[in-house]
Amino acid sequence: MSTLEDAKALNDAHLSRSEDYWQWFTEDIVRRIPGKTIACSEELVGLEACQRQGQEFLDALTAPNRLELRSLAVDEENGVSFVEYYHEFEHQQWGRFRQVQVHVQRWRDGKVFEEDIYCGQQAKKP
């Protein structure tokens, strides 16, 4: 499959909250959320660390989590996808949040091996 087809399949799994979501990441995935964010301020290395952080976030939600895909772009030559989401949630510790997230994903052999997530806090609802 192409990077575009892989990125579409990953995003379908993400938006549908499918258990297949994590199959799209390598065991040695490196995930960063640059800057001072409430969700994660450190580099996560390895699939288990990313899964654990993701589950801790979901476990702390106090209301349904809303995630919408806004846009998807792919650089096939370099194996990079760029995904923009609108994300709305209520969290036990942080309260109600609305934000735009941009995920920059680098692909190898049909899986993401590196991901940077940029968050814009308190975004306007689309």
PDB file of N, CA and C in Angstrom:
ATOM      1  N   MET A   1       0.843  -1.192   0.000  1.00  0.00           N
ATOM      2  CA  MET A   1       0.000   0.000   0.000  1.00  0.00           C
ATOM      3  C   MET A   1       0.878   1.242   0.000  1.00  0.00           C
ATOM      4  N   SER A   2       0.308   2.332  -0.436  1.00  0.00           N
ATOM      5  CA  SER A   2       1.012   3.613  -0.428  1.00  0.00           C
ATOM      6  C   SER A   2       0.912   4.234   0.965  1.00  0.00           C
ATOM      7  N   THR A   3       1.737   5.240   1.209  1.00  0.00           N
ATOM      8  CA  THR A   3       1.664   5.959   2.485  1.00  0.00           C
ATOM      9  C   THR A   3       0.277   6.578   2.658  1.00  0.00           C
ATOM     10  N   LEU A   4      -0.309   7.088   1.577  1.00  0.00           N
ATOM     11  CA  LEU A   4      -1.649   7.663   1.662  1.00  0.00           C
ATOM     12  C   LEU A   4      -2.674   6.608   2.088  1.00  0.00           C
ATOM     13  N   GLU A   5      -2.622   5.439   1.478  1.00  0.00           N
ATOM     14  CA  GLU A   5      -3.567   4.374   1.844  1.00  0.00           C
ATOM     15  C   GLU A   5      -3.360   3.930   3.292  1.00  0.00           C
ATOM     16  N   ASP A   6      -2.100   3.805   3.701  1.00  0.00           N
ATOM     17  CA  ASP A   6      -1.803   3.437   5.095  1.00  0.00           C
ATOM     18  C   ASP A   6      -2.313   4.502   6.057  1.00  0.00           C
ATOM     19  N   ALA A   7      -2.067   5.777   5.726  1.00  0.00           N
ATOM     20  CA  ALA A   7      -2.490   6.874   6.603  1.00  0.00           C
ATOM     21  C   ALA A   7      -4.012   6.919   6.712  1.00  0.00           C
ATOM     22  N   LYS A   8      -4.710   6.690   5.617  1.00  0.00           N
ATOM     23  CA  LYS A   8      -6.175   6.654   5.659  1.00  0.00           C
ATOM     24  C   LYS A   8      -6.663   5.517   6.546  1.00  0.00           C
ATOM     25  N   ALA A   9      -6.047   4.344   6.425  1.00  0.00           N
ATOM     26  CA  ALA A   9      -6.450   3.198   7.243  1.00  0.00           C
ATOM     27  C   ALA A   9      -6.170   3.457   8.727  1.00  0.00           C
ATOM     28  N   LEU A  10      -5.017   4.042   9.037  1.00  0.00           N
ATOM     29  CA  LEU A  10      -4.698   4.388  10.427  1.00  0.00           C
ATOM     30  C   LEU A  10      -5.729   5.365  10.976  1.00  0.00           C
ATOM     31  N   ASN A  11      -6.068   6.385  10.208  1.00  0.00           N
ATOM     32  CA  ASN A  11      -7.029   7.374  10.689  1.00  0.00           C
ATOM     33  C   ASN A  11      -8.427   6.805  10.825  1.00  0.00           C
ATOM     34  N   ASP A  12      -8.812   5.896   9.944  1.00  0.00           N
ATOM     35  CA  ASP A  12     -10.102   5.216  10.098  1.00  0.00           C
ATOM     36  C   ASP A  12     -10.138   4.450  11.415  1.00  0.00           C
ATOM     37  N   ALA A  13      -9.045   3.750  11.730  1.00  0.00           N
ATOM     38  CA  ALA A  13      -8.966   3.001  12.996  1.00  0.00           C
ATOM     39  C   ALA A  13      -9.003   3.949  14.195  1.00  0.00           C
ATOM     40  N   HIS A  14      -8.316   5.075  14.079  1.00  0.00           N
ATOM     41  CA  HIS A  14      -8.278   6.065  15.168  1.00  0.00           C
ATOM     42  C   HIS A  14      -9.666   6.649  15.421  1.00  0.00           C
ATOM     43  N   LEU A  15     -10.329   7.078  14.370  1.00  0.00           N
ATOM     44  CA  LEU A  15     -11.632   7.720  14.508  1.00  0.00           C
ATOM     45  C   LEU A  15     -12.715   6.754  14.977  1.00  0.00           C
ATOM     46  N   SER A  16     -12.596   5.493  14.607  1.00  0.00           N
ATOM     47  CA  SER A  16     -13.602   4.499  15.011  1.00  0.00           C
ATOM     48  C   SER A  16     -13.243   3.832  16.337  1.00  0.00           C
ATOM     49  N   ARG A  17     -12.093   4.249  16.908  1.00  0.00           N
ATOM     50  CA  ARG A  17     -11.617   3.687  18.174  1.00  0.00           C
ATOM     51  C   ARG A  17     -11.431   2.166  18.084  1.00  0.00           C
ATOM     52  N   SER A  18     -10.963   1.739  16.938  1.00  0.00           N
ATOM     53  CA  SER A  18     -10.754   0.320  16.668  1.00  0.00           C
ATOM     54  C   SER A  18      -9.543  -0.218  17.422  1.00  0.00           C
ATOM     55  N   GLU A  19      -9.631  -1.470  17.816  1.00  0.00           N
ATOM     56  CA  GLU A  19      -8.488  -2.129  18.450  1.00  0.00           C
ATOM     57  C   GLU A  19      -7.329  -2.279  17.467  1.00  0.00           C
ATOM     58  N   ASP A  20      -7.612  -2.164  16.178  1.00  0.00           N
ATOM     59  CA  ASP A  20      -6.577  -2.264  15.143  1.00  0.00           C
ATOM     60  C   ASP A  20      -5.668  -1.037  15.094  1.00  0.00           C
ATOM     61  N   TYR A  21      -6.020   0.003  15.824  1.00  0.00           N
ATOM     62  CA  TYR A  21      -5.260   1.251  15.792  1.00  0.00           C
ATOM     63  C   TYR A  21      -3.770   1.026  16.008  1.00  0.00           C
ATOM     64  N   TRP A  22      -3.400   0.283  17.011  1.00  0.00           N
ATOM     65  CA  TRP A  22      -1.987   0.144  17.375  1.00  0.00           C
ATOM     66  C   TRP A  22      -1.187  -0.705  16.394  1.00  0.00           C
ATOM     67  N   GLN A  23      -1.848  -1.440  15.516  1.00  0.00           N
ATOM     68  CA  GLN A  23      -1.112  -2.247  14.535  1.00  0.00           C
ATOM     69  C   GLN A  23      -0.366  -1.376  13.529  1.00  0.00           C
ATOM     70  N   TRP A  24      -0.717  -0.098  13.474  1.00  0.00           N
ATOM     71  CA  TRP A  24      -0.113   0.807  12.508  1.00  0.00           C
ATOM     72  C   TRP A  24       1.174   1.462  13.015  1.00  0.00           C
ATOM     73  N   PHE A  25       1.670   1.034  14.185  1.00  0.00           N
ATOM     74  CA  PHE A  25       2.880   1.599  14.778  1.00  0.00           C
ATOM     75  C   PHE A  25       3.925   0.511  14.973  1.00  0.00           C
ATOM     76  N   THR A  26       5.200   0.882  14.805  1.00  0.00           N
ATOM     77  CA  THR A  26       6.287  -0.068  15.025  1.00  0.00           C
ATOM     78  C   THR A  26       6.493  -0.285  16.528  1.00  0.00           C
ATOM     79  N   GLU A  27       7.142  -1.365  16.872  1.00  0.00           N
ATOM     80  CA  GLU A  27       7.452  -1.658  18.286  1.00  0.00           C
ATOM     81  C   GLU A  27       8.370  -0.583  18.878  1.00  0.00           C
ATOM     82  N   ASP A  28       9.210   0.031  18.017  1.00  0.00           N
ATOM     83  CA  ASP A  28      10.164   1.034  18.500  1.00  0.00           C
ATOM     84  C   ASP A  28       9.708   2.466  18.230  1.00  0.00           C
ATOM     85  N   ILE A  29       8.399   2.673  18.111  1.00  0.00           N
ATOM     86  CA  ILE A  29       7.836   4.004  17.855  1.00  0.00           C
ATOM     87  C   ILE A  29       8.398   5.037  18.834  1.00  0.00           C
ATOM     88  N   VAL A  30       8.673   6.219  18.318  1.00  0.00           N
ATOM     89  CA  VAL A  30       9.053   7.356  19.157  1.00  0.00           C
ATOM     90  C   VAL A  30       7.970   8.407  18.949  1.00  0.00           C
ATOM     91  N   ARG A  31       7.311   8.790  20.036  1.00  0.00           N
ATOM     92  CA  ARG A  31       6.226   9.777  19.973  1.00  0.00           C
ATOM     93  C   ARG A  31       6.587  10.955  20.867  1.00  0.00           C
ATOM     94  N   ARG A  32       6.445  12.150  20.281  1.00  0.00           N
ATOM     95  CA  ARG A  32       6.731  13.375  21.024  1.00  0.00           C
ATOM     96  C   ARG A  32       5.538  14.311  20.922  1.00  0.00           C
ATOM     97  N   ILE A  33       5.277  15.017  22.005  1.00  0.00           N
ATOM     98  CA  ILE A  33       4.298  16.099  21.992  1.00  0.00           C
ATOM     99  C   ILE A  33       5.081  17.337  22.428  1.00  0.00           C
ATOM    100  N   PRO A  34       5.693  18.034  21.446  1.00  0.00           N
ATOM    101  CA  PRO A  34       6.602  19.146  21.766  1.00  0.00           C
ATOM    102  C   PRO A  34       5.940  20.259  22.567  1.00  0.00           C
ATOM    103  N   GLY A  35       6.767  20.924  23.326  1.00  0.00           N
ATOM    104  CA  GLY A  35       6.290  22.050  24.126  1.00  0.00           C
ATOM    105  C   GLY A  35       5.724  21.575  25.449  1.00  0.00           C
ATOM    106  N   LYS A  36       5.274  22.502  26.215  1.00  0.00           N
ATOM    107  CA  LYS A  36       4.730  22.192  27.532  1.00  0.00           C
ATOM    108  C   LYS A  36       3.239  21.894  27.366  1.00  0.00           C
ATOM    109  N   THR A  37       2.891  20.643  27.357  1.00  0.00           N
ATOM    110  CA  THR A  37       1.486  20.268  27.221  1.00  0.00           C
ATOM    111  C   THR A  37       1.051  19.532  28.470  1.00  0.00           C
ATOM    112  N   ILE A  38      -0.247  19.489  28.674  1.00  0.00           N
ATOM    113  CA  ILE A  38      -0.750  18.788  29.846  1.00  0.00           C
ATOM    114  C   ILE A  38      -0.794  17.285  29.622  1.00  0.00           C
ATOM    115  N   ALA A  39      -0.958  16.879  28.376  1.00  0.00           N
ATOM    116  CA  ALA A  39      -1.136  15.454  28.105  1.00  0.00           C
ATOM    117  C   ALA A  39       0.167  14.676  28.232  1.00  0.00           C
ATOM    118  N   CYS A  40       1.246  15.258  27.826  1.00  0.00           N
ATOM    119  CA  CYS A  40       2.506  14.523  27.816  1.00  0.00           C
ATOM    120  C   CYS A  40       3.623  15.506  27.542  1.00  0.00           C
ATOM    121  N   SER A  41       4.587  15.580  28.427  1.00  0.00           N
ATOM    122  CA  SER A  41       5.677  16.529  28.217  1.00  0.00           C
ATOM    123  C   SER A  41       7.007  15.822  28.010  1.00  0.00           C
ATOM    124  N   GLU A  42       6.936  14.517  27.774  1.00  0.00           N
ATOM    125  CA  GLU A  42       8.172  13.766  27.585  1.00  0.00           C
ATOM    126  C   GLU A  42       8.093  12.966  26.299  1.00  0.00           C
ATOM    127  N   GLU A  43       9.229  12.496  25.861  1.00  0.00           N
ATOM    128  CA  GLU A  43       9.280  11.642  24.691  1.00  0.00           C
ATOM    129  C   GLU A  43       8.876  10.234  25.119  1.00  0.00           C
ATOM    130  N   LEU A  44       7.976   9.642  24.368  1.00  0.00           N
ATOM    131  CA  LEU A  44       7.571   8.265  24.634  1.00  0.00           C
ATOM    132  C   LEU A  44       8.296   7.373  23.646  1.00  0.00           C
ATOM    133  N   VAL A  45       8.945   6.329  24.144  1.00  0.00           N
ATOM    134  CA  VAL A  45       9.692   5.416  23.292  1.00  0.00           C
ATOM    135  C   VAL A  45       9.129   4.008  23.468  1.00  0.00           C
ATOM    136  N   GLY A  46       8.714   3.427  22.366  1.00  0.00           N
ATOM    137  CA  GLY A  46       8.202   2.069  22.382  1.00  0.00           C
ATOM    138  C   GLY A  46       6.681   2.019  22.360  1.00  0.00           C
ATOM    139  N   LEU A  47       6.186   0.971  21.736  1.00  0.00           N
ATOM    140  CA  LEU A  47       4.746   0.809  21.583  1.00  0.00           C
ATOM    141  C   LEU A  47       4.040   0.707  22.925  1.00  0.00           C
ATOM    142  N   GLU A  48       4.611  -0.031  23.874  1.00  0.00           N
ATOM    143  CA  GLU A  48       3.982  -0.175  25.197  1.00  0.00           C
ATOM    144  C   GLU A  48       3.822   1.162  25.899  1.00  0.00           C
ATOM    145  N   ALA A  49       4.834   2.012  25.841  1.00  0.00           N
ATOM    146  CA  ALA A  49       4.765   3.327  26.497  1.00  0.00           C
ATOM    147  C   ALA A  49       3.666   4.179  25.870  1.00  0.00           C
ATOM    148  N   CYS A  50       3.538   4.128  24.550  1.00  0.00           N
ATOM    149  CA  CYS A  50       2.498   4.902  23.864  1.00  0.00           C
ATOM    150  C   CYS A  50       1.108   4.366  24.197  1.00  0.00           C
ATOM    151  N   GLN A  51       0.981   3.047  24.226  1.00  0.00           N
ATOM    152  CA  GLN A  51      -0.310   2.441  24.570  1.00  0.00           C
ATOM    153  C   GLN A  51      -0.707   2.791  26.006  1.00  0.00           C
ATOM    154  N   ARG A  52       0.252   2.732  26.913  1.00  0.00           N
ATOM    155  CA  ARG A  52      -0.013   3.038  28.324  1.00  0.00           C
ATOM    156  C   ARG A  52      -0.465   4.495  28.487  1.00  0.00           C
ATOM    157  N   GLN A  53       0.242   5.425  27.854  1.00  0.00           N
ATOM    158  CA  GLN A  53      -0.122   6.836  27.936  1.00  0.00           C
ATOM    159  C   GLN A  53      -1.508   7.065  27.337  1.00  0.00           C
ATOM    160  N   GLY A  54      -1.794   6.435  26.221  1.00  0.00           N
ATOM    161  CA  GLY A  54      -3.103   6.567  25.591  1.00  0.00           C
ATOM    162  C   GLY A  54      -4.222   6.031  26.472  1.00  0.00           C
ATOM    163  N   GLN A  55      -3.989   4.883  27.106  1.00  0.00           N
ATOM    164  CA  GLN A  55      -5.014   4.297  27.968  1.00  0.00           C
ATOM    165  C   GLN A  55      -5.225   5.126  29.230  1.00  0.00           C
ATOM    166  N   GLU A  56      -4.147   5.665  29.791  1.00  0.00           N
ATOM    167  CA  GLU A  56      -4.276   6.529  30.975  1.00  0.00           C
ATOM    168  C   GLU A  56      -5.120   7.759  30.643  1.00  0.00           C
ATOM    169  N   PHE A  57      -4.911   8.315  29.452  1.00  0.00           N
ATOM    170  CA  PHE A  57      -5.708   9.458  29.026  1.00  0.00           C
ATOM    171  C   PHE A  57      -7.181   9.071  28.919  1.00  0.00           C
ATOM    172  N   LEU A  58      -7.469   7.974  28.229  1.00  0.00           N
ATOM    173  CA  LEU A  58      -8.861   7.538  28.049  1.00  0.00           C
ATOM    174  C   LEU A  58      -9.530   7.220  29.383  1.00  0.00           C
ATOM    175  N   ASP A  59      -8.790   6.606  30.299  1.00  0.00           N
ATOM    176  CA  ASP A  59      -9.342   6.243  31.609  1.00  0.00           C
ATOM    177  C   ASP A  59      -9.726   7.468  32.435  1.00  0.00           C
ATOM    178  N   ALA A  60      -9.088   8.603  32.170  1.00  0.00           N
ATOM    179  CA  ALA A  60      -9.342   9.820  32.953  1.00  0.00           C
ATOM    180  C   ALA A  60     -10.430  10.708  32.345  1.00  0.00           C
ATOM    181  N   LEU A  61     -11.010  10.298  31.230  1.00  0.00           N
ATOM    182  CA  LEU A  61     -12.071  11.091  30.623  1.00  0.00           C
ATOM    183  C   LEU A  61     -13.345  10.983  31.444  1.00  0.00           C
ATOM    184  N   THR A  62     -14.050  12.101  31.585  1.00  0.00           N
ATOM    185  CA  THR A  62     -15.290  12.125  32.361  1.00  0.00           C
ATOM    186  C   THR A  62     -16.514  12.301  31.465  1.00  0.00           C
ATOM    187  N   ALA A  63     -16.306  12.486  30.190  1.00  0.00           N
ATOM    188  CA  ALA A  63     -17.392  12.629  29.219  1.00  0.00           C
ATOM    189  C   ALA A  63     -16.902  12.027  27.903  1.00  0.00           C
ATOM    190  N   PRO A  64     -17.803  11.731  27.004  1.00  0.00           N
ATOM    191  CA  PRO A  64     -17.388  11.158  25.723  1.00  0.00           C
ATOM    192  C   PRO A  64     -16.339  12.022  25.015  1.00  0.00           C
ATOM    193  N   ASN A  65     -15.411  11.349  24.399  1.00  0.00           N
ATOM    194  CA  ASN A  65     -14.296  11.941  23.685  1.00  0.00           C
ATOM    195  C   ASN A  65     -14.736  12.190  22.244  1.00  0.00           C
ATOM    196  N   ARG A  66     -14.564  13.392  21.738  1.00  0.00           N
ATOM    197  CA  ARG A  66     -14.940  13.708  20.358  1.00  0.00           C
ATOM    198  C   ARG A  66     -13.690  14.012  19.551  1.00  0.00           C
ATOM    199  N   LEU A  67     -13.527  13.293  18.456  1.00  0.00           N
ATOM    200  CA  LEU A  67     -12.364  13.457  17.600  1.00  0.00           C
ATOM    201  C   LEU A  67     -12.845  13.502  16.159  1.00  0.00           C
ATOM    202  N   GLU A  68     -12.454  14.562  15.435  1.00  0.00           N
ATOM    203  CA  GLU A  68     -12.857  14.718  14.037  1.00  0.00           C
ATOM    204  C   GLU A  68     -11.636  14.971  13.168  1.00  0.00           C
ATOM    205  N   LEU A  69     -11.580  14.292  12.055  1.00  0.00           N
ATOM    206  CA  LEU A  69     -10.524  14.524  11.075  1.00  0.00           C
ATOM    207  C   LEU A  69     -10.845  15.791  10.297  1.00  0.00           C
ATOM    208  N   ARG A  70      -9.894  16.723  10.266  1.00  0.00           N
ATOM    209  CA  ARG A  70     -10.072  17.960   9.488  1.00  0.00           C
ATOM    210  C   ARG A  70      -9.374  17.864   8.143  1.00  0.00           C
ATOM    211  N   SER A  71      -8.141  17.334   8.156  1.00  0.00           N
ATOM    212  CA  SER A  71      -7.409  17.235   6.893  1.00  0.00           C
ATOM    213  C   SER A  71      -6.306  16.186   6.999  1.00  0.00           C
ATOM    214  N   LEU A  72      -5.907  15.705   5.827  1.00  0.00           N
ATOM    215  CA  LEU A  72      -4.845  14.700   5.724  1.00  0.00           C
ATOM    216  C   LEU A  72      -4.028  15.020   4.484  1.00  0.00           C
ATOM    217  N   ALA A  73      -2.709  15.084   4.643  1.00  0.00           N
ATOM    218  CA  ALA A  73      -1.804  15.291   3.517  1.00  0.00           C
ATOM    219  C   ALA A  73      -0.656  14.299   3.639  1.00  0.00           C
ATOM    220  N   VAL A  74      -0.121  13.907   2.490  1.00  0.00           N
ATOM    221  CA  VAL A  74       0.941  12.899   2.489  1.00  0.00           C
ATOM    222  C   VAL A  74       2.057  13.320   1.536  1.00  0.00           C
ATOM    223  N   ASP A  75       3.288  13.117   1.982  1.00  0.00           N
ATOM    224  CA  ASP A  75       4.469  13.253   1.147  1.00  0.00           C
ATOM    225  C   ASP A  75       4.943  11.829   0.863  1.00  0.00           C
ATOM    226  N   GLU A  76       4.497  11.266  -0.256  1.00  0.00           N
ATOM    227  CA  GLU A  76       4.806   9.867  -0.594  1.00  0.00           C
ATOM    228  C   GLU A  76       6.313   9.626  -0.711  1.00  0.00           C
ATOM    229  N   GLU A  77       7.000  10.564  -1.336  1.00  0.00           N
ATOM    230  CA  GLU A  77       8.434  10.385  -1.585  1.00  0.00           C
ATOM    231  C   GLU A  77       9.224  10.205  -0.294  1.00  0.00           C
ATOM    232  N   ASN A  78       8.835  10.944   0.748  1.00  0.00           N
ATOM    233  CA  ASN A  78       9.559  10.880   2.017  1.00  0.00           C
ATOM    234  C   ASN A  78       8.855  10.038   3.075  1.00  0.00           C
ATOM    235  N   GLY A  79       7.694   9.465   2.757  1.00  0.00           N
ATOM    236  CA  GLY A  79       6.984   8.616   3.695  1.00  0.00           C
ATOM    237  C   GLY A  79       6.515   9.353   4.936  1.00  0.00           C
ATOM    238  N   VAL A  80       5.882  10.519   4.732  1.00  0.00           N
ATOM    239  CA  VAL A  80       5.418  11.340   5.854  1.00  0.00           C
ATOM    240  C   VAL A  80       3.946  11.676   5.637  1.00  0.00           C
ATOM    241  N   SER A  81       3.160  11.575   6.718  1.00  0.00           N
ATOM    242  CA  SER A  81       1.770  12.032   6.654  1.00  0.00           C
ATOM    243  C   SER A  81       1.573  13.146   7.673  1.00  0.00           C
ATOM    244  N   PHE A  82       0.637  14.040   7.342  1.00  0.00           N
ATOM    245  CA  PHE A  82       0.283  15.178   8.183  1.00  0.00           C
ATOM    246  C   PHE A  82      -1.224  15.112   8.393  1.00  0.00           C
ATOM    247  N   VAL A  83      -1.644  15.015   9.646  1.00  0.00           N
ATOM    248  CA  VAL A  83      -3.064  14.836   9.949  1.00  0.00           C
ATOM    249  C   VAL A  83      -3.502  15.921  10.918  1.00  0.00           C
ATOM    250  N   GLU A  84      -4.616  16.584  10.592  1.00  0.00           N
ATOM    251  CA  GLU A  84      -5.167  17.611  11.465  1.00  0.00           C
ATOM    252  C   GLU A  84      -6.483  17.097  12.039  1.00  0.00           C
ATOM    253  N   TYR A  85      -6.587  17.147  13.377  1.00  0.00           N
ATOM    254  CA  TYR A  85      -7.798  16.721  14.078  1.00  0.00           C
ATOM    255  C   TYR A  85      -8.370  17.880  14.888  1.00  0.00           C
ATOM    256  N   TYR A  86      -9.675  17.869  15.048  1.00  0.00           N
ATOM    257  CA  TYR A  86     -10.336  18.665  16.075  1.00  0.00           C
ATOM    258  C   TYR A  86     -10.640  17.694  17.203  1.00  0.00           C
ATOM    259  N   HIS A  87     -10.244  18.042  18.435  1.00  0.00           N
ATOM    260  CA  HIS A  87     -10.383  17.137  19.576  1.00  0.00           C
ATOM    261  C   HIS A  87     -11.064  17.869  20.724  1.00  0.00           C
ATOM    262  N   GLU A  88     -12.117  17.266  21.236  1.00  0.00           N
ATOM    263  CA  GLU A  88     -12.863  17.835  22.354  1.00  0.00           C
ATOM    264  C   GLU A  88     -13.035  16.747  23.409  1.00  0.00           C
ATOM    265  N   PHE A  89     -12.742  17.105  24.677  1.00  0.00           N
ATOM    266  CA  PHE A  89     -12.867  16.111  25.745  1.00  0.00           C
ATOM    267  C   PHE A  89     -13.015  16.791  27.098  1.00  0.00           C
ATOM    268  N   GLU A  90     -13.495  16.021  28.064  1.00  0.00           N
ATOM    269  CA  GLU A  90     -13.517  16.436  29.461  1.00  0.00           C
ATOM    270  C   GLU A  90     -12.683  15.438  30.242  1.00  0.00           C
ATOM    271  N   HIS A  91     -11.799  15.967  31.068  1.00  0.00           N
ATOM    272  CA  HIS A  91     -10.803  15.148  31.768  1.00  0.00           C
ATOM    273  C   HIS A  91     -10.906  15.398  33.271  1.00  0.00           C
ATOM    274  N   GLN A  92     -10.679  14.368  34.053  1.00  0.00           N
ATOM    275  CA  GLN A  92     -10.747  14.486  35.516  1.00  0.00           C
ATOM    276  C   GLN A  92      -9.857  15.586  36.057  1.00  0.00           C
ATOM    277  N   GLN A  93      -8.649  15.672  35.568  1.00  0.00           N
ATOM    278  CA  GLN A  93      -7.668  16.615  36.100  1.00  0.00           C
ATOM    279  C   GLN A  93      -7.685  17.965  35.398  1.00  0.00           C
ATOM    280  N   TRP A  94      -7.901  17.977  34.082  1.00  0.00           N
ATOM    281  CA  TRP A  94      -7.730  19.199  33.301  1.00  0.00           C
ATOM    282  C   TRP A  94      -9.033  19.897  32.946  1.00  0.00           C
ATOM    283  N   GLY A  95     -10.172  19.255  33.185  1.00  0.00           N
ATOM    284  CA  GLY A  95     -11.453  19.859  32.846  1.00  0.00           C
ATOM    285  C   GLY A  95     -11.786  19.708  31.375  1.00  0.00           C
ATOM    286  N   ARG A  96     -12.582  20.650  30.865  1.00  0.00           N
ATOM    287  CA  ARG A  96     -13.032  20.587  29.478  1.00  0.00           C
ATOM    288  C   ARG A  96     -11.991  21.192  28.543  1.00  0.00           C
ATOM    289  N   PHE A  97     -11.730  20.486  27.453  1.00  0.00           N
ATOM    290  CA  PHE A  97     -10.733  20.921  26.489  1.00  0.00           C
ATOM    291  C   PHE A  97     -11.272  20.840  25.075  1.00  0.00           C
ATOM    292  N   ARG A  98     -10.936  21.838  24.281  1.00  0.00           N
ATOM    293  CA  ARG A  98     -11.153  21.843  22.842  1.00  0.00           C
ATOM    294  C   ARG A  98      -9.831  22.252  22.223  1.00  0.00           C
ATOM    295  N   GLN A  99      -9.361  21.459  21.288  1.00  0.00           N
ATOM    296  CA  GLN A  99      -8.069  21.775  20.698  1.00  0.00           C
ATOM    297  C   GLN A  99      -7.968  21.234  19.282  1.00  0.00           C
ATOM    298  N   VAL A 100      -7.032  21.800  18.550  1.00  0.00           N
ATOM    299  CA  VAL A 100      -6.653  21.272  17.253  1.00  0.00           C
ATOM    300  C   VAL A 100      -5.318  20.575  17.441  1.00  0.00           C
ATOM    301  N   GLN A 101      -5.209  19.383  16.877  1.00  0.00           N
ATOM    302  CA  GLN A 101      -3.960  18.636  16.929  1.00  0.00           C
ATOM    303  C   GLN A 101      -3.476  18.393  15.504  1.00  0.00           C
ATOM    304  N   VAL A 102      -2.178  18.502  15.297  1.00  0.00           N
ATOM    305  CA  VAL A 102      -1.565  18.119  14.036  1.00  0.00           C
ATOM    306  C   VAL A 102      -0.550  17.028  14.344  1.00  0.00           C
ATOM    307  N   HIS A 103      -0.733  15.891  13.702  1.00  0.00           N
ATOM    308  CA  HIS A 103       0.166  14.750  13.868  1.00  0.00           C
ATOM    309  C   HIS A 103       1.054  14.664  12.626  1.00  0.00           C
ATOM    310  N   VAL A 104       2.361  14.671  12.845  1.00  0.00           N
ATOM    311  CA  VAL A 104       3.316  14.462  11.762  1.00  0.00           C
ATOM    312  C   VAL A 104       3.876  13.061  11.971  1.00  0.00           C
ATOM    313  N   GLN A 105       3.582  12.189  11.011  1.00  0.00           N
ATOM    314  CA  GLN A 105       3.913  10.772  11.157  1.00  0.00           C
ATOM    315  C   GLN A 105       4.902  10.343  10.076  1.00  0.00           C
ATOM    316  N   ARG A 106       5.985   9.715  10.505  1.00  0.00           N
ATOM    317  CA  ARG A 106       6.991   9.201   9.575  1.00  0.00           C
ATOM    318  C   ARG A 106       6.814   7.682   9.487  1.00  0.00           C
ATOM    319  N   TRP A 107       6.748   7.185   8.246  1.00  0.00           N
ATOM    320  CA  TRP A 107       6.394   5.794   7.979  1.00  0.00           C
ATOM    321  C   TRP A 107       7.596   4.981   7.509  1.00  0.00           C
ATOM    322  N   ARG A 108       7.594   3.698   7.916  1.00  0.00           N
ATOM    323  CA  ARG A 108       8.602   2.721   7.465  1.00  0.00           C
ATOM    324  C   ARG A 108       7.892   1.375   7.321  1.00  0.00           C
ATOM    325  N   ASP A 109       7.949   0.805   6.143  1.00  0.00           N
ATOM    326  CA  ASP A 109       7.352  -0.514   5.894  1.00  0.00           C
ATOM    327  C   ASP A 109       5.887  -0.577   6.314  1.00  0.00           C
ATOM    328  N   GLY A 110       5.129   0.473   6.009  1.00  0.00           N
ATOM    329  CA  GLY A 110       3.701   0.479   6.270  1.00  0.00           C
ATOM    330  C   GLY A 110       3.297   0.754   7.704  1.00  0.00           C
ATOM    331  N   LYS A 111       4.243   1.224   8.538  1.00  0.00           N
ATOM    332  CA  LYS A 111       3.934   1.547   9.934  1.00  0.00           C
ATOM    333  C   LYS A 111       4.608   2.852  10.335  1.00  0.00           C
ATOM    334  N   VAL A 112       4.003   3.525  11.300  1.00  0.00           N
ATOM    335  CA  VAL A 112       4.573   4.775  11.819  1.00  0.00           C
ATOM    336  C   VAL A 112       5.693   4.421  12.800  1.00  0.00           C
ATOM    337  N   PHE A 113       6.887   4.984  12.563  1.00  0.00           N
ATOM    338  CA  PHE A 113       8.001   4.751  13.481  1.00  0.00           C
ATOM    339  C   PHE A 113       8.344   5.999  14.290  1.00  0.00           C
ATOM    340  N   GLU A 114       7.808   7.142  13.874  1.00  0.00           N
ATOM    341  CA  GLU A 114       8.060   8.392  14.594  1.00  0.00           C
ATOM    342  C   GLU A 114       6.853   9.303  14.411  1.00  0.00           C
ATOM    343  N   GLU A 115       6.422   9.925  15.523  1.00  0.00           N
ATOM    344  CA  GLU A 115       5.251  10.793  15.460  1.00  0.00           C
ATOM    345  C   GLU A 115       5.445  11.990  16.375  1.00  0.00           C
ATOM    346  N   ASP A 116       5.201  13.168  15.826  1.00  0.00           N
ATOM    347  CA  ASP A 116       5.182  14.401  16.611  1.00  0.00           C
ATOM    348  C   ASP A 116       3.755  14.921  16.592  1.00  0.00           C
ATOM    349  N   ILE A 117       3.226  15.259  17.776  1.00  0.00           N
ATOM    350  CA  ILE A 117       1.859  15.745  17.900  1.00  0.00           C
ATOM    351  C   ILE A 117       1.902  17.175  18.427  1.00  0.00           C
ATOM    352  N   TYR A 118       1.388  18.100  17.631  1.00  0.00           N
ATOM    353  CA  TYR A 118       1.366  19.508  17.999  1.00  0.00           C
ATOM    354  C   TYR A 118      -0.073  19.875  18.379  1.00  0.00           C
ATOM    355  N   CYS A 119      -0.243  20.460  19.560  1.00  0.00           N
ATOM    356  CA  CYS A 119      -1.580  20.768  20.080  1.00  0.00           C
ATOM    357  C   CYS A 119      -1.768  22.272  20.233  1.00  0.00           C
ATOM    358  N   GLY A 120      -2.881  22.764  19.709  1.00  0.00           N
ATOM    359  CA  GLY A 120      -3.293  24.139  19.920  1.00  0.00           C
ATOM    360  C   GLY A 120      -4.410  24.128  20.939  1.00  0.00           C
ATOM    361  N   GLN A 121      -4.182  24.659  22.112  1.00  0.00           N
ATOM    362  CA  GLN A 121      -5.148  24.580  23.209  1.00  0.00           C
ATOM    363  C   GLN A 121      -6.363  25.457  22.968  1.00  0.00           C
ATOM    364  N   GLN A 122      -7.507  24.986  23.429  1.00  0.00           N
ATOM    365  CA  GLN A 122      -8.758  25.726  23.438  1.00  0.00           C
ATOM    366  C   GLN A 122      -9.110  26.296  22.066  1.00  0.00           C
ATOM    367  N   ALA A 123      -9.122  25.431  21.070  1.00  0.00           N
ATOM    368  CA  ALA A 123      -9.471  25.836  19.723  1.00  0.00           C
ATOM    369  C   ALA A 123     -10.963  26.100  19.599  1.00  0.00           C
ATOM    370  N   LYS A 124     -11.326  26.863  18.598  1.00  0.00           N
ATOM    371  CA  LYS A 124     -12.737  27.105  18.330  1.00  0.00           C
ATOM    372  C   LYS A 124     -13.341  25.869  17.664  1.00  0.00           C
ATOM    373  N   LYS A 125     -14.559  25.588  18.007  1.00  0.00           N
ATOM    374  CA  LYS A 125     -15.268  24.450  17.433  1.00  0.00           C
ATOM    375  C   LYS A 125     -15.469  24.687  15.939  1.00  0.00           C
ATOM    376  N   PRO A 126     -15.230  23.624  15.117  1.00  0.00           N
ATOM    377  CA  PRO A 126     -15.380  23.804  13.664  1.00  0.00           C
ATOM    378  C   PRO A 126     -16.846  24.026  13.293  1.00  0.00           C
TER     379      PRO A 126
END
